[in-house]
């Protein structure tokens, strides 16, 4: 397939921004709170704005998540690694 994963970002049950599609050529995708998406393997939440954002949401956005395809289960989006920044 052209994309192995799609990521939709929500804050308090409201989608913020467009759905991000990860190309099959990128086996790992990083989701972080920065603003510079350097390629198809990085989804930066920092570029998304929301006038209703709370302090709790800001703290959550500062966490980095790395998602890797899990070929053993046959589903690409099954394992996450959380890295605190």
Protein backbone atom coordinates (compact mmCIF):
# COMPACT_ATOMS: atom_id res chain seq x y z
CA UNK A 1 0.00 0.00 0.00
CA UNK A 2 1.02 3.62 -0.50
CA UNK A 3 0.51 4.41 3.22
CA UNK A 4 0.88 2.02 6.15
CA UNK A 5 -0.61 4.30 8.82
CA UNK A 6 -2.89 7.32 9.20
CA UNK A 7 -2.78 9.56 12.28
CA UNK A 8 -5.61 11.85 13.31
CA UNK A 9 -4.87 14.20 16.21
CA UNK A 10 -7.65 15.15 18.64
CA UNK A 11 -7.89 17.53 21.58
CA UNK A 12 -10.94 17.01 23.81
CA UNK A 13 -12.83 15.00 21.14
CA UNK A 14 -12.21 17.60 18.39
CA UNK A 15 -9.88 16.77 15.50
CA UNK A 16 -7.15 19.38 15.10
CA UNK A 17 -5.55 19.60 11.66
CA UNK A 18 -5.76 17.13 8.83
CA UNK A 19 -5.16 13.38 8.99
CA UNK A 20 -1.45 12.58 8.56
CA UNK A 21 -0.64 9.62 6.30
CA UNK A 22 2.67 7.77 6.75
CA UNK A 23 4.15 6.49 3.48
CA UNK A 24 5.12 2.84 3.24
CA UNK A 25 8.69 3.99 2.55
CA UNK A 26 8.93 5.20 6.20
CA UNK A 27 8.90 2.17 8.54
CA UNK A 28 8.97 4.36 11.69
CA UNK A 29 7.00 7.53 12.43
CA UNK A 30 7.68 10.01 15.23
CA UNK A 31 4.94 12.19 16.67
CA UNK A 32 6.27 15.15 18.64
CA UNK A 33 5.47 18.67 19.80
CA UNK A 34 7.94 20.43 17.54
CA UNK A 35 7.13 22.52 14.46
CA UNK A 36 9.45 21.25 11.72
CA UNK A 37 8.15 18.21 9.81
CA UNK A 38 11.37 17.10 8.13
CA UNK A 39 9.75 14.35 6.06
CA UNK A 40 7.03 11.73 5.84
CA UNK A 41 8.33 10.01 8.97
CA UNK A 42 7.54 12.85 11.39
CA UNK A 43 4.22 14.37 12.48
CA UNK A 44 4.81 17.63 14.37
CA UNK A 45 1.99 18.73 16.66
CA UNK A 46 3.62 22.12 17.27
CA UNK A 47 2.39 23.41 13.93
CA UNK A 48 -1.26 22.76 14.90
CA UNK A 49 -3.12 25.56 16.67
CA UNK A 50 -6.27 25.43 18.79
CA UNK A 51 -7.68 28.45 20.66
CA UNK A 52 -9.32 26.10 23.23
CA UNK A 53 -6.07 24.33 24.23
CA UNK A 54 -5.63 23.72 27.98
CA UNK A 55 -2.45 23.44 30.07
CA UNK A 56 -2.98 19.66 30.36
CA UNK A 57 -3.09 19.38 26.57
CA UNK A 58 0.13 21.44 26.30
CA UNK A 59 1.90 19.00 28.66
CA UNK A 60 0.68 15.99 26.67
CA UNK A 61 1.85 17.59 23.43
CA UNK A 62 5.39 17.81 24.84
CA UNK A 63 5.63 13.98 24.91
CA UNK A 64 7.22 12.19 21.96
CA UNK A 65 5.76 8.93 20.61
CA UNK A 66 7.44 6.60 18.14
CA UNK A 67 5.26 4.11 16.30
CA UNK A 68 6.71 1.04 14.58
CA UNK A 69 4.99 -1.48 12.33
CA UNK A 70 4.57 -4.87 14.03
CA UNK A 71 4.87 -7.46 11.27
CA UNK A 72 4.27 -10.34 13.69
CA UNK A 73 0.70 -9.24 14.29
CA UNK A 74 0.06 -8.26 10.69
CA UNK A 75 -1.11 -4.82 11.82
CA UNK A 76 1.21 -1.85 11.35
CA UNK A 77 0.01 0.33 14.23
CA UNK A 78 0.22 -1.92 17.26
CA UNK A 79 3.30 -0.93 19.23
CA UNK A 80 4.27 2.45 20.69
CA UNK A 81 7.43 3.65 22.40
CA UNK A 82 6.99 6.67 24.63
CA UNK A 83 9.93 9.02 25.15
CA UNK A 84 9.62 11.91 27.62
CA UNK A 85 11.15 15.19 26.49
